[in-house]
Structure formats: structure tokens, C-alpha cells
Amino acid sequence: MNKKQLIVMWVGIAFVVLMGIFPPMNFIADGFRYKIVLLLGESSSSVDFGKLLIQCSIVGIITVGLIVTFKDKKSKDEQNQ
């Protein structure tokens, strides 16, 4: 793995970790109570695992695509010789 690939891999890992720390949430929305939950930060919410899975999948696909894109062309030429 070259330097660009390592950077892309670690940035991808950092994004997945940040998405785990700050996951998408489902808030209980019933008018006035919803505003209080947002202001006071009460725990009347749950993690939206479907959205989290989609986010992680997209980051993973982009990361793998960039790692393949930044593959050294020198190693292909050396294998052909």
C-alpha cells in the first residue's frame, strides 16, 4: 500500500468512527415535547440503524474505490516484465 492509499484508508476509518459517535437519530416528535427534547437534550430518541448502515456502506464503497484508484501503476509494469 502506498502513502495515498494509507491516507484514504485512515480517513475512511475516521469517518466511520465519527458516524458511530454521532449516529443518525430518530426523535419523538409530538409538538411541544419535541422542542423541549431538542433544547434540553433529553434521551427521547433512538439510533436509526438503517441510515447508519447506509452511511457506513457508502463510506466503505468510496474508500475502497479510492484505494483501487490510487494503486501504483509501477507494480503492474514490473509484473508484466
N, C-alpha and C. Protein backbone atom coordinates (compact mmCIF):
# COMPACT_ATOMS: atom_id res chain seq x y z
N MET A 1 0.84 -1.18 0.00
CA MET A 1 0.00 0.00 0.00
C MET A 1 0.89 1.24 0.00
N ASN A 2 0.58 2.16 -0.90
CA ASN A 2 1.37 3.39 -0.94
C ASN A 2 0.80 4.43 0.02
N LYS A 3 1.45 5.59 0.05
CA LYS A 3 1.08 6.63 1.02
C LYS A 3 -0.33 7.16 0.78
N LYS A 4 -0.71 7.37 -0.47
CA LYS A 4 -2.05 7.88 -0.76
C LYS A 4 -3.12 6.89 -0.31
N GLN A 5 -2.88 5.61 -0.55
CA GLN A 5 -3.85 4.59 -0.15
C GLN A 5 -4.00 4.54 1.37
N LEU A 6 -2.89 4.67 2.09
CA LEU A 6 -2.95 4.67 3.55
C LEU A 6 -3.74 5.86 4.08
N ILE A 7 -3.52 7.02 3.46
CA ILE A 7 -4.25 8.22 3.89
C ILE A 7 -5.75 8.03 3.66
N VAL A 8 -6.11 7.52 2.47
CA VAL A 8 -7.53 7.29 2.17
C VAL A 8 -8.13 6.29 3.14
N MET A 9 -7.39 5.22 3.46
CA MET A 9 -7.90 4.21 4.38
C MET A 9 -8.15 4.81 5.76
N TRP A 10 -7.20 5.57 6.29
CA TRP A 10 -7.36 6.15 7.63
C TRP A 10 -8.44 7.22 7.66
N VAL A 11 -8.61 7.98 6.59
CA VAL A 11 -9.70 8.96 6.54
C VAL A 11 -11.05 8.24 6.52
N GLY A 12 -11.14 7.15 5.77
CA GLY A 12 -12.36 6.35 5.75
C GLY A 12 -12.69 5.78 7.12
N ILE A 13 -11.67 5.26 7.80
CA ILE A 13 -11.87 4.74 9.16
C ILE A 13 -12.32 5.85 10.10
N ALA A 14 -11.72 7.03 9.97
CA ALA A 14 -12.11 8.16 10.82
C ALA A 14 -13.57 8.55 10.60
N PHE A 15 -14.02 8.54 9.34
CA PHE A 15 -15.42 8.87 9.06
C PHE A 15 -16.37 7.84 9.67
N VAL A 16 -16.02 6.57 9.58
CA VAL A 16 -16.88 5.53 10.16
C VAL A 16 -16.94 5.68 11.68
N VAL A 17 -15.80 5.98 12.30
CA VAL A 17 -15.78 6.17 13.76
C VAL A 17 -16.63 7.37 14.14
N LEU A 18 -16.51 8.47 13.42
CA LEU A 18 -17.31 9.66 13.71
C LEU A 18 -18.80 9.39 13.53
N MET A 19 -19.15 8.59 12.52
CA MET A 19 -20.56 8.25 12.33
C MET A 19 -21.06 7.37 13.47
N GLY A 20 -20.16 6.57 14.06
CA GLY A 20 -20.55 5.77 15.21
C GLY A 20 -20.71 6.61 16.47
N ILE A 21 -19.90 7.65 16.60
CA ILE A 21 -20.00 8.53 17.76
C ILE A 21 -21.24 9.43 17.65
N PHE A 22 -21.52 9.92 16.44
CA PHE A 22 -22.66 10.80 16.19
C PHE A 22 -23.61 10.14 15.19
N PRO A 23 -24.34 9.09 15.60
CA PRO A 23 -25.20 8.38 14.64
C PRO A 23 -26.47 9.16 14.33
N PRO A 24 -27.13 8.81 13.22
CA PRO A 24 -28.43 9.43 12.94
C PRO A 24 -29.45 8.97 13.97
N MET A 25 -30.27 9.90 14.42
CA MET A 25 -31.22 9.60 15.49
C MET A 25 -32.66 9.77 15.03
N ASN A 26 -33.56 9.02 15.66
CA ASN A 26 -35.00 9.18 15.49
C ASN A 26 -35.52 9.88 16.73
N PHE A 27 -36.03 11.09 16.57
CA PHE A 27 -36.56 11.83 17.71
C PHE A 27 -38.07 11.62 17.80
N ILE A 28 -38.57 11.64 19.02
CA ILE A 28 -40.01 11.59 19.23
C ILE A 28 -40.55 12.99 18.94
N ALA A 29 -41.42 13.08 17.95
CA ALA A 29 -41.93 14.38 17.53
C ALA A 29 -43.40 14.49 17.86
N ASP A 30 -43.72 15.11 18.96
CA ASP A 30 -45.13 15.36 19.28
C ASP A 30 -45.32 16.81 19.71
N GLY A 31 -44.93 17.71 18.81
CA GLY A 31 -45.16 19.13 19.03
C GLY A 31 -44.25 19.74 20.09
N PHE A 32 -44.85 20.19 21.20
CA PHE A 32 -44.14 20.91 22.24
C PHE A 32 -43.03 20.05 22.86
N ARG A 33 -43.31 18.79 23.09
CA ARG A 33 -42.31 17.90 23.69
C ARG A 33 -41.06 17.80 22.82
N TYR A 34 -41.23 17.81 21.50
CA TYR A 34 -40.11 17.73 20.57
C TYR A 34 -39.16 18.91 20.77
N LYS A 35 -39.71 20.10 20.96
CA LYS A 35 -38.87 21.29 21.17
C LYS A 35 -38.11 21.19 22.48
N ILE A 36 -38.74 20.68 23.52
CA ILE A 36 -38.05 20.53 24.81
C ILE A 36 -36.93 19.49 24.70
N VAL A 37 -37.18 18.41 23.99
CA VAL A 37 -36.15 17.37 23.82
C VAL A 37 -34.94 17.97 23.13
N LEU A 38 -35.16 18.78 22.10
CA LEU A 38 -34.04 19.38 21.38
C LEU A 38 -33.29 20.39 22.25
N LEU A 39 -34.01 21.16 23.07
CA LEU A 39 -33.36 22.17 23.90
C LEU A 39 -32.61 21.57 25.08
N LEU A 40 -33.21 20.61 25.74
CA LEU A 40 -32.60 20.05 26.94
C LEU A 40 -31.75 18.82 26.68
N GLY A 41 -31.84 18.26 25.50
CA GLY A 41 -31.03 17.09 25.18
C GLY A 41 -31.48 15.84 25.90
N GLU A 42 -32.76 15.72 26.17
CA GLU A 42 -33.26 14.51 26.83
C GLU A 42 -33.06 13.31 25.91
N SER A 43 -33.02 12.14 26.49
CA SER A 43 -32.79 10.94 25.70
C SER A 43 -34.10 10.31 25.28
N SER A 44 -34.91 11.04 24.53
CA SER A 44 -36.16 10.50 23.99
C SER A 44 -35.97 10.21 22.52
N SER A 45 -34.87 9.58 22.20
CA SER A 45 -34.57 9.28 20.81
C SER A 45 -33.93 7.91 20.72
N SER A 46 -33.83 7.41 19.51
CA SER A 46 -33.18 6.12 19.28
C SER A 46 -32.33 6.22 18.02
N VAL A 47 -31.34 5.36 17.93
CA VAL A 47 -30.45 5.36 16.78
C VAL A 47 -31.17 4.76 15.58
N ASP A 48 -31.04 5.42 14.44
CA ASP A 48 -31.61 4.92 13.19
C ASP A 48 -30.56 4.04 12.52
N PHE A 49 -30.62 2.74 12.81
CA PHE A 49 -29.60 1.82 12.34
C PHE A 49 -29.62 1.64 10.83
N GLY A 50 -30.77 1.80 10.21
CA GLY A 50 -30.85 1.70 8.76
C GLY A 50 -30.03 2.77 8.07
N LYS A 51 -30.22 4.02 8.51
CA LYS A 51 -29.44 5.13 7.95
C LYS A 51 -27.95 4.97 8.25
N LEU A 52 -27.63 4.51 9.46
CA LEU A 52 -26.23 4.32 9.84
C LEU A 52 -25.57 3.27 8.95
N LEU A 53 -26.27 2.18 8.66
CA LEU A 53 -25.74 1.14 7.79
C LEU A 53 -25.52 1.66 6.38
N ILE A 54 -26.46 2.45 5.88
CA ILE A 54 -26.31 3.03 4.54
C ILE A 54 -25.12 3.98 4.51
N GLN A 55 -24.98 4.83 5.54
CA GLN A 55 -23.85 5.76 5.60
C GLN A 55 -22.52 5.01 5.61
N CYS A 56 -22.40 3.99 6.45
CA CYS A 56 -21.16 3.22 6.54
C CYS A 56 -20.87 2.51 5.23
N SER A 57 -21.90 2.00 4.57
CA SER A 57 -21.71 1.33 3.28
C SER A 57 -21.19 2.29 2.23
N ILE A 58 -21.76 3.48 2.18
CA ILE A 58 -21.32 4.47 1.19
C ILE A 58 -19.87 4.87 1.44
N VAL A 59 -19.52 5.12 2.69
CA VAL A 59 -18.13 5.48 3.01
C VAL A 59 -17.20 4.32 2.66
N GLY A 60 -17.61 3.10 2.94
CA GLY A 60 -16.79 1.94 2.61
C GLY A 60 -16.58 1.79 1.12
N ILE A 61 -17.63 1.96 0.33
CA ILE A 61 -17.53 1.84 -1.12
C ILE A 61 -16.62 2.92 -1.69
N ILE A 62 -16.80 4.15 -1.22
CA ILE A 62 -15.94 5.25 -1.70
C ILE A 62 -14.49 5.02 -1.31
N THR A 63 -14.26 4.55 -0.08
CA THR A 63 -12.89 4.31 0.39
C THR A 63 -12.22 3.23 -0.45
N VAL A 64 -12.91 2.12 -0.67
CA VAL A 64 -12.33 1.03 -1.47
C VAL A 64 -12.08 1.51 -2.91
N GLY A 65 -13.02 2.27 -3.46
CA GLY A 65 -12.83 2.80 -4.81
C GLY A 65 -11.61 3.70 -4.92
N LEU A 66 -11.41 4.56 -3.93
CA LEU A 66 -10.24 5.44 -3.96
C LEU A 66 -8.94 4.67 -3.74
N ILE A 67 -8.98 3.65 -2.90
CA ILE A 67 -7.77 2.83 -2.70
C ILE A 67 -7.39 2.13 -4.00
N VAL A 68 -8.37 1.60 -4.72
CA VAL A 68 -8.09 0.96 -6.01
C VAL A 68 -7.61 1.99 -7.02
N THR A 69 -8.20 3.17 -7.01
CA THR A 69 -7.80 4.22 -7.95
C THR A 69 -6.36 4.66 -7.73
N PHE A 70 -5.94 4.73 -6.48
CA PHE A 70 -4.58 5.20 -6.17
C PHE A 70 -3.55 4.08 -6.18
N LYS A 71 -3.89 2.94 -6.74
CA LYS A 71 -2.95 1.83 -6.82
C LYS A 71 -1.78 2.22 -7.71
N ASP A 72 -0.57 1.80 -7.32
CA ASP A 72 0.63 2.13 -8.09
C ASP A 72 0.58 1.48 -9.47
N LYS A 73 0.88 2.26 -10.48
CA LYS A 73 0.95 1.71 -11.83
C LYS A 73 2.30 1.05 -12.06
N LYS A 74 3.29 1.39 -11.27
CA LYS A 74 4.62 0.80 -11.40
C LYS A 74 4.59 -0.70 -11.14
N SER A 75 3.82 -1.11 -10.15
CA SER A 75 3.78 -2.53 -9.81
C SER A 75 3.19 -3.35 -10.95
N LYS A 76 2.24 -2.80 -11.71
CA LYS A 76 1.68 -3.51 -12.88
C LYS A 76 2.75 -3.66 -13.95
N ASP A 77 3.50 -2.59 -14.19
CA ASP A 77 4.54 -2.64 -15.22
C ASP A 77 5.63 -3.63 -14.84
N GLU A 78 5.99 -3.70 -13.56
CA GLU A 78 7.02 -4.62 -13.12
C GLU A 78 6.56 -6.05 -13.25
N GLN A 79 5.27 -6.32 -13.06
CA GLN A 79 4.74 -7.68 -13.18
C GLN A 79 4.73 -8.14 -14.63
N ASN A 80 4.52 -7.22 -15.56
CA ASN A 80 4.48 -7.58 -16.98
C ASN A 80 5.86 -7.90 -17.53
N GLN A 81 6.91 -7.44 -16.92
CA GLN A 81 8.27 -7.66 -17.45
C GLN A 81 8.83 -8.98 -17.08
